[in-house]
Amino acid sequence: MASIGKLVTAAAGLAFAVALIAGAASGEDDGRSADLFELCMQCHGEAGEGSELALAPAIAGLGDWYVAAQLRKFQSGARGLNPHDVGGLRMHPMSRTLKSDEDLEAVAAYVAALPRARPEPVLEGGDPSKGQVLYTTCAACHGPDGAGNRAINAPRLDGASDWYLLSSLEKYKAGIRGGNPQNPNAVLMRGMAAQLSDEQAMKDVIAYIMTLDGQ
């Protein structure tokens, strides 16, 4: 019985030691992620709330899979090299400060863990009732509640900055985004944006998106 007791005690001690090591490693990871995010927060804000002045959208709470995918596209030049895309041109060199996949994944996980942003609307003149009808096409990928769909690489839209949504749609319509075949989702979005006839239609659908609350 004494031997069994010693074994139990030793096992418990080992489990405790493993837990301490795991906790320390987790703390190190969290600290590293926060350090890496410091460069991002200069434009996107400490809480990932975004800044229109800095042309930086709200990113807090976006799926880590989406953030990682966009960072890789910026790194490779599949996104962000059009000379008329000022925000994208800034993100290309910024993304390259992440020197490894581990760093990139760490930043993406940190962004995803931030409480979802709820930016105040700044656009005026949109009609959400008309936008609801227009959003039917968007819902096929982004979901009826704007929560997105990882299976088809469609990001969540609820919690987005309305000015950024308008800017993005304008860029898609103008071919500033969606012109690189290495970014097939953007190519698809270019076709979707073309279905919105004018700025008013874009503002209407965005006004409706701002009412969504996906889970």
Protein backbone atom coordinates (compact mmCIF):
# COMPACT_ATOMS: atom_id res chain seq x y z
CA MET A 1 0.00 0.00 0.00
CA ALA A 2 2.85 2.36 0.82
CA SER A 3 4.35 1.80 -2.63
CA ILE A 4 1.02 2.55 -4.26
CA GLY A 5 0.76 5.70 -2.20
CA LYS A 6 4.19 6.82 -3.31
CA LEU A 7 3.28 6.18 -6.94
CA VAL A 8 0.10 8.21 -6.59
CA THR A 9 2.02 11.04 -4.95
CA ALA A 10 4.69 10.98 -7.64
CA ALA A 11 2.07 10.98 -10.40
CA ALA A 12 0.28 13.91 -8.83
CA GLY A 13 3.53 15.80 -8.57
CA LEU A 14 4.35 15.12 -12.19
CA ALA A 15 0.89 16.27 -13.29
CA PHE A 16 1.30 19.47 -11.29
CA ALA A 17 4.71 20.12 -12.84
CA VAL A 18 3.32 19.57 -16.34
CA ALA A 19 0.46 21.97 -15.60
CA LEU A 20 2.93 24.63 -14.42
CA ILE A 21 5.05 24.22 -17.54
CA ALA A 22 2.00 24.38 -19.80
CA GLY A 23 0.76 27.49 -18.01
CA ALA A 24 4.14 29.16 -18.36
CA ALA A 25 4.28 28.32 -22.06
CA SER A 26 0.77 29.68 -22.52
CA GLY A 27 1.75 32.90 -20.76
CA GLU A 28 4.81 33.23 -22.99
CA ASP A 29 2.64 32.71 -26.07
CA ASP A 30 0.16 35.35 -24.89
CA GLY A 31 2.98 37.79 -24.24
CA ARG A 32 4.54 37.16 -27.63
CA SER A 33 1.20 37.64 -29.38
CA ALA A 34 0.64 40.93 -27.58
CA ASP A 35 4.14 42.10 -28.49
CA LEU A 36 3.57 41.25 -32.14
CA PHE A 37 0.22 43.05 -32.11
CA GLU A 38 1.82 46.30 -30.93
CA LEU A 39 2.71 47.23 -34.50
CA CYS A 40 -0.86 46.50 -35.64
CA MET A 41 -2.40 48.62 -32.91
CA GLN A 42 -0.69 51.75 -34.20
CA CYS A 43 -3.35 51.84 -36.92
CA HIS A 44 -6.04 49.36 -35.89
CA GLY A 45 -6.15 50.49 -32.26
CA GLU A 46 -5.32 48.83 -28.96
CA ALA A 47 -8.64 46.95 -28.96
CA GLY A 48 -8.69 46.36 -32.72
CA GLU A 49 -11.49 48.93 -33.04
CA GLY A 50 -10.08 50.46 -36.21
CA SER A 51 -9.50 54.04 -37.33
CA GLU A 52 -10.97 55.72 -40.39
CA LEU A 53 -8.25 58.37 -40.25
CA ALA A 54 -5.60 55.65 -40.52
CA LEU A 55 -7.62 53.74 -43.16
CA ALA A 56 -7.56 50.80 -40.75
CA PRO A 57 -10.78 48.79 -40.34
CA ALA A 58 -12.05 47.22 -37.14
CA ILE A 59 -10.52 43.74 -36.89
CA ALA A 60 -11.33 42.65 -33.33
CA GLY A 61 -13.07 39.29 -33.23
CA LEU A 62 -12.46 38.35 -36.85
CA GLY A 63 -11.81 34.64 -37.29
CA ASP A 64 -8.16 33.69 -36.91
CA TRP A 65 -8.41 31.72 -40.16
CA TYR A 66 -9.49 34.85 -42.04
CA VAL A 67 -6.90 37.15 -40.47
CA ALA A 68 -4.14 34.63 -41.21
CA ALA A 69 -5.31 34.21 -44.81
CA GLN A 70 -5.35 37.97 -45.43
CA LEU A 71 -1.92 38.45 -43.89
CA ARG A 72 -0.53 35.74 -46.19
CA LYS A 73 -2.14 37.44 -49.19
CA PHE A 74 -0.60 40.76 -48.20
CA GLN A 75 2.78 39.08 -47.74
CA SER A 76 2.68 37.38 -51.14
CA GLY A 77 1.32 40.41 -52.99
CA ALA A 78 -1.92 38.65 -53.91
CA ARG A 79 -3.52 41.59 -52.12
CA GLY A 80 -2.36 45.12 -51.46
CA LEU A 81 -0.16 46.03 -54.42
CA ASN A 82 -2.61 48.06 -56.51
CA PRO A 83 -1.25 51.64 -56.61
CA HIS A 84 -4.75 53.01 -55.89
CA ASP A 85 -5.17 50.93 -52.74
CA VAL A 86 -3.46 53.10 -50.12
CA GLY A 87 -4.45 50.93 -47.16
CA GLY A 88 -3.37 47.78 -48.95
CA LEU A 89 -0.02 49.28 -49.92
CA ARG A 90 0.59 49.97 -46.25
CA MET A 91 -0.37 46.45 -45.20
CA HIS A 92 2.01 44.76 -47.66
CA PRO A 93 5.21 45.82 -45.84
CA MET A 94 3.54 45.57 -42.42
CA SER A 95 2.62 41.94 -43.01
CA ARG A 96 6.22 41.17 -43.89
CA THR A 97 7.37 42.14 -40.40
CA LEU A 98 5.94 38.76 -39.36
CA LYS A 99 8.95 36.57 -40.09
CA SER A 100 7.46 33.13 -39.48
CA ASP A 101 4.21 31.21 -39.75
CA GLU A 102 4.24 30.95 -35.95
CA ASP A 103 4.29 34.74 -35.60
CA LEU A 104 1.55 35.15 -38.19
CA GLU A 105 -0.67 32.57 -36.51
CA ALA A 106 -0.01 34.13 -33.11
CA VAL A 107 -1.17 37.57 -34.28
CA ALA A 108 -4.23 36.07 -35.97
CA ALA A 109 -5.17 34.23 -32.77
CA TYR A 110 -4.69 37.41 -30.72
CA VAL A 111 -6.98 39.41 -33.02
CA ALA A 112 -9.61 36.67 -32.96
CA ALA A 113 -9.58 36.64 -29.15
CA LEU A 114 -10.26 40.38 -28.86
CA PRO A 115 -13.86 41.26 -27.92
CA ARG A 116 -15.80 41.84 -31.13
CA ALA A 117 -15.71 45.45 -32.24
CA ARG A 118 -18.88 47.52 -32.52
CA PRO A 119 -17.78 50.64 -34.42
CA GLU A 120 -20.19 53.55 -34.47
CA PRO A 121 -21.68 54.08 -37.96
CA VAL A 122 -20.35 57.13 -39.75
CA LEU A 123 -22.12 56.82 -43.11
CA GLU A 124 -25.36 58.69 -43.68
CA GLY A 125 -28.23 58.21 -46.10
CA GLY A 126 -28.44 54.43 -46.18
CA ASP A 127 -31.85 52.72 -46.08
CA PRO A 128 -31.63 49.37 -44.23
CA SER A 129 -35.05 48.24 -45.48
CA LYS A 130 -33.87 48.52 -49.08
CA GLY A 131 -30.52 47.09 -48.06
CA GLN A 132 -32.17 43.98 -46.65
CA VAL A 133 -33.37 43.06 -50.13
CA LEU A 134 -29.94 43.69 -51.63
CA TYR A 135 -28.27 41.67 -48.87
CA THR A 136 -29.98 38.47 -50.04
CA THR A 137 -27.13 37.88 -52.46
CA CYS A 138 -24.50 38.59 -49.78
CA ALA A 139 -26.18 36.19 -47.35
CA ALA A 140 -25.39 33.23 -49.60
CA CYS A 141 -21.74 33.51 -48.49
CA HIS A 142 -21.63 35.78 -45.45
CA GLY A 143 -24.69 34.28 -43.79
CA PRO A 144 -28.13 35.75 -43.04
CA ASP A 145 -26.80 37.17 -39.77
CA GLY A 146 -23.45 38.30 -41.16
CA ALA A 147 -21.50 35.75 -39.12
CA GLY A 148 -19.48 34.57 -42.12
CA ASN A 149 -18.68 31.08 -43.36
CA ARG A 150 -15.24 29.58 -42.88
CA ALA A 151 -15.95 26.73 -45.32
CA ILE A 152 -16.02 29.19 -48.22
CA ASN A 153 -13.60 31.75 -46.75
CA ALA A 154 -16.32 34.38 -46.28
CA PRO A 155 -15.53 36.68 -43.32
CA ARG A 156 -18.05 37.93 -40.82
CA LEU A 157 -19.52 41.31 -41.63
CA ASP A 158 -21.30 42.19 -38.41
CA GLY A 159 -19.06 44.42 -36.35
CA ALA A 160 -17.33 45.82 -39.43
CA SER A 161 -16.57 49.51 -39.96
CA ASP A 162 -19.24 50.89 -42.31
CA TRP A 163 -16.79 53.31 -43.98
CA TYR A 164 -14.50 50.37 -44.70
CA LEU A 165 -17.30 48.32 -46.22
CA LEU A 166 -18.12 51.22 -48.55
CA SER A 167 -14.47 51.72 -49.44
CA SER A 168 -14.07 48.00 -50.16
CA LEU A 169 -17.15 47.83 -52.37
CA GLU A 170 -15.98 50.90 -54.30
CA LYS A 171 -12.57 49.30 -54.81
CA TYR A 172 -14.13 46.06 -56.02
CA LYS A 173 -16.37 47.92 -58.46
CA ALA A 174 -13.40 49.90 -59.77
CA GLY A 175 -11.20 46.81 -60.10
CA ILE A 176 -8.73 48.11 -57.51
CA ARG A 177 -9.44 44.95 -55.56
CA GLY A 178 -10.35 41.64 -57.18
CA GLY A 179 -8.05 41.93 -60.17
CA ASN A 180 -5.47 39.36 -59.04
CA PRO A 181 -6.33 35.72 -59.90
CA GLN A 182 -4.19 34.60 -56.96
CA ASN A 183 -6.95 35.98 -54.72
CA PRO A 184 -10.06 34.12 -55.98
CA ASN A 185 -12.35 35.32 -53.20
CA ALA A 186 -11.62 38.92 -54.13
CA VAL A 187 -12.27 38.10 -57.78
CA LEU A 188 -15.66 36.72 -56.73
CA MET A 189 -16.39 39.83 -54.67
CA ARG A 190 -15.64 42.03 -57.65
CA GLY A 191 -18.53 40.37 -59.47
CA MET A 192 -20.80 40.67 -56.44
CA ALA A 193 -20.04 44.37 -56.02
CA ALA A 194 -20.84 44.99 -59.66
CA GLN A 195 -24.45 44.04 -58.89
CA LEU A 196 -24.80 47.14 -56.71
CA SER A 197 -25.76 49.82 -59.20
CA ASP A 198 -24.47 52.92 -57.42
CA GLU A 199 -23.25 54.43 -54.16
CA GLN A 200 -26.79 54.63 -52.80
CA ALA A 201 -27.26 50.88 -53.25
CA MET A 202 -23.95 50.28 -51.46
CA LYS A 203 -24.97 52.54 -48.59
CA ASP A 204 -28.33 50.78 -48.35
CA VAL A 205 -26.84 47.29 -48.06
CA ILE A 206 -24.23 48.53 -45.59
CA ALA A 207 -26.95 50.18 -43.47
CA TYR A 208 -28.62 46.79 -43.24
CA ILE A 209 -25.34 45.02 -42.41
CA MET A 210 -24.91 47.42 -39.49
CA THR A 211 -28.13 46.01 -37.98
CA LEU A 212 -26.83 42.43 -37.98
CA ASP A 213 -25.64 40.60 -34.89
CA GLY A 214 -24.20 37.23 -35.89
CA GLN A 215 -23.15 34.85 -33.16
